[in-house]
């Protein structure tokens, strides 16, 4: 939705794959793991009034809700006195003094939290499609879950109309 030539607003849905790094999978005993984050946000958009040739630019910022989900293909028991691994916190395991104190099962966990995002992008109009633009965008998303914060920084290429 455009309010003026410079200012607008949009609502967005995002799906982001949260693959774990190989060394985290090996060192923290997370075989056959998966993770993703979904979000819904309301964003303010500020369009740069001047163009360079046909290229346009914009800044974007907003707030939203973020749902982070992690899972193991096969549930994995964890027994005391195993030391807690940093990634295990995403599975909501209970640690005392950085150790597991009661037997627990690590399977899946989903956490919803509030957060914010900001970024910017470039646009290029497609003359043969009315109001269509190709865009390249970088964003910084931060969500504040009870077990810490989740940060993702996607680079997106897309079509807007």
Protein backbone atom coordinates (compact mmCIF):
# COMPACT_ATOMS: atom_id res chain seq x y z
CA UNK A 1 0.00 0.00 0.00
CA UNK A 2 1.44 3.37 -1.03
CA UNK A 3 0.52 6.46 0.99
CA UNK A 4 2.66 8.85 -1.04
CA UNK A 5 5.34 8.50 -3.70
CA UNK A 6 7.92 8.09 -0.90
CA UNK A 7 6.07 6.28 1.91
CA UNK A 8 4.21 3.02 1.98
CA UNK A 9 3.43 -0.04 4.04
CA UNK A 10 3.25 -3.76 3.40
CA UNK A 11 2.41 -7.02 5.14
CA UNK A 12 4.77 -9.91 4.55
CA UNK A 13 5.08 -13.63 5.15
CA UNK A 14 8.54 -15.22 5.18
CA UNK A 15 9.72 -18.83 5.28
CA UNK A 16 13.41 -19.32 6.04
CA UNK A 17 15.26 -22.66 6.14
CA UNK A 18 17.42 -22.89 9.27
CA UNK A 19 19.95 -25.53 8.29
CA UNK A 20 22.60 -26.23 10.91
CA UNK A 21 26.30 -26.02 10.08
CA UNK A 22 28.12 -29.33 9.64
CA UNK A 23 30.38 -28.82 12.66
CA UNK A 24 27.34 -28.10 14.90
CA UNK A 25 25.62 -31.28 13.68
CA UNK A 26 28.73 -33.38 14.38
CA UNK A 27 29.93 -31.76 17.63
CA UNK A 28 26.53 -31.40 19.30
CA UNK A 29 25.02 -34.79 18.37
CA UNK A 30 22.25 -33.58 16.07
CA UNK A 31 21.94 -36.22 13.32
CA UNK A 32 19.07 -35.87 10.83
CA UNK A 33 18.02 -32.46 12.16
CA UNK A 34 15.92 -29.82 10.43
CA UNK A 35 14.80 -26.32 11.25
CA UNK A 36 12.89 -23.42 9.76
CA UNK A 37 11.43 -20.07 10.72
CA UNK A 38 8.23 -18.47 9.53
CA UNK A 39 7.24 -14.89 10.14
CA UNK A 40 4.46 -12.41 9.56
CA UNK A 41 5.39 -8.73 9.73
CA UNK A 42 4.00 -5.26 9.09
CA UNK A 43 6.61 -3.05 7.48
CA UNK A 44 7.05 0.61 6.64
CA UNK A 45 8.66 1.30 3.26
CA UNK A 46 10.57 4.46 2.34
CA UNK A 47 11.25 4.86 -1.39
CA UNK A 48 14.20 6.96 -2.49
CA UNK A 49 12.65 9.73 -4.62
CA UNK A 50 15.47 9.84 -7.18
CA UNK A 51 16.32 7.03 -9.58
CA UNK A 52 19.64 6.18 -11.18
CA UNK A 53 18.66 5.40 -14.76
CA UNK A 54 15.78 2.96 -14.25
CA UNK A 55 16.98 1.64 -10.87
CA UNK A 56 15.02 2.57 -7.76
CA UNK A 57 15.98 2.06 -4.11
CA UNK A 58 14.05 1.68 -0.86
CA UNK A 59 14.48 1.09 2.84
CA UNK A 60 12.17 -1.15 4.86
CA UNK A 61 11.59 -1.66 8.60
CA UNK A 62 8.93 -3.41 10.64
CA UNK A 63 7.78 -5.59 13.50
CA UNK A 64 6.31 -9.06 13.49
CA UNK A 65 5.85 -12.52 14.94
CA UNK A 66 8.43 -15.24 14.32
CA UNK A 67 7.82 -19.00 14.67
CA UNK A 68 11.04 -21.03 14.93
CA UNK A 69 10.72 -24.81 14.58
CA UNK A 70 13.44 -27.45 15.01
CA UNK A 71 13.14 -31.23 14.80
CA UNK A 72 15.13 -34.44 14.75
CA UNK A 73 14.10 -37.19 12.32
CA UNK A 74 14.31 -39.72 15.17
CA UNK A 75 13.70 -38.76 18.84
CA UNK A 76 16.96 -38.86 20.79
CA UNK A 77 17.18 -39.57 24.54
CA UNK A 78 19.64 -37.47 26.54
CA UNK A 79 20.79 -38.79 29.92
CA UNK A 80 22.54 -37.12 32.85
CA UNK A 81 25.24 -35.99 33.40
CA UNK A 82 25.58 -35.01 29.72
CA UNK A 83 26.92 -31.47 29.26
CA UNK A 84 24.37 -29.16 27.59
CA UNK A 85 25.27 -28.20 24.05
CA UNK A 86 24.42 -24.65 22.84
CA UNK A 87 22.11 -25.81 20.03
CA UNK A 88 20.19 -28.05 22.41
CA UNK A 89 18.56 -24.96 23.94
CA UNK A 90 16.43 -24.70 20.77
CA UNK A 91 14.90 -28.07 21.75
CA UNK A 92 13.93 -26.64 25.17
CA UNK A 93 16.00 -29.11 27.17
CA UNK A 94 16.39 -28.31 30.86
CA UNK A 95 19.97 -27.71 31.92
CA UNK A 96 21.29 -26.98 35.40
CA UNK A 97 24.85 -25.67 35.72
CA UNK A 98 25.29 -26.45 32.02
CA UNK A 99 24.45 -30.17 32.45
CA UNK A 100 21.41 -32.39 31.88
CA UNK A 101 20.19 -33.44 35.35
CA UNK A 102 17.14 -35.55 34.40
CA UNK A 103 16.58 -37.91 31.45
CA UNK A 104 14.97 -36.02 28.55
CA UNK A 105 13.89 -36.72 24.98
CA UNK A 106 15.02 -34.38 22.21
CA UNK A 107 12.49 -34.54 19.37
CA UNK A 108 10.97 -31.27 18.14
CA UNK A 109 10.20 -27.81 19.45
CA UNK A 110 8.44 -24.70 18.19
CA UNK A 111 8.72 -21.23 19.71
CA UNK A 112 6.75 -18.10 18.72
CA UNK A 113 8.11 -14.67 19.62
CA UNK A 114 8.03 -11.03 18.64
CA UNK A 115 10.81 -9.33 16.77
CA UNK A 116 11.78 -6.71 14.22
CA UNK A 117 13.39 -6.39 10.80
CA UNK A 118 15.06 -3.76 8.66
CA UNK A 119 16.87 -3.63 5.35
CA UNK A 120 16.76 -2.22 1.87
CA UNK A 121 16.68 -3.06 -1.76
CA UNK A 122 16.97 -2.09 -5.39
CA UNK A 123 14.21 -2.30 -8.01
CA UNK A 124 14.22 -2.40 -11.81
CA UNK A 125 10.96 -1.97 -13.77
CA UNK A 126 9.89 -4.48 -16.42
CA UNK A 127 8.56 -2.39 -19.29
CA UNK A 128 6.45 -5.16 -20.83
CA UNK A 129 4.56 -5.85 -17.56
CA UNK A 130 2.58 -2.95 -16.10
CA UNK A 131 3.82 -1.97 -12.60
CA UNK A 132 6.04 -5.09 -12.35
CA UNK A 133 9.54 -4.73 -10.92
CA UNK A 134 12.38 -7.12 -10.28
CA UNK A 135 13.95 -6.51 -6.89
CA UNK A 136 17.07 -7.43 -4.94
CA UNK A 137 16.75 -7.04 -1.17
CA UNK A 138 18.80 -7.59 1.98
CA UNK A 139 17.08 -7.85 5.39
CA UNK A 140 18.08 -8.28 9.02
CA UNK A 141 15.50 -10.15 11.14
CA UNK A 142 15.79 -10.58 14.90
CA UNK A 143 13.33 -12.52 17.07
CA UNK A 144 13.47 -12.66 20.87
CA UNK A 145 12.58 -16.20 21.99
CA UNK A 146 12.78 -17.18 25.66
CA UNK A 147 15.90 -19.26 24.92
CA UNK A 148 17.76 -16.39 23.29
CA UNK A 149 17.53 -14.50 20.05
CA UNK A 150 17.33 -15.79 16.50
CA UNK A 151 18.93 -13.71 13.75
CA UNK A 152 18.53 -14.33 10.01
CA UNK A 153 19.83 -12.14 7.17
CA UNK A 154 18.30 -13.27 3.88
CA UNK A 155 19.14 -11.88 0.46
CA UNK A 156 16.06 -12.09 -1.75
CA UNK A 157 15.57 -11.74 -5.50
CA UNK A 158 11.96 -11.49 -6.58
CA UNK A 159 9.17 -9.98 -8.64
CA UNK A 160 6.86 -7.31 -7.27
CA UNK A 161 3.75 -5.90 -8.97
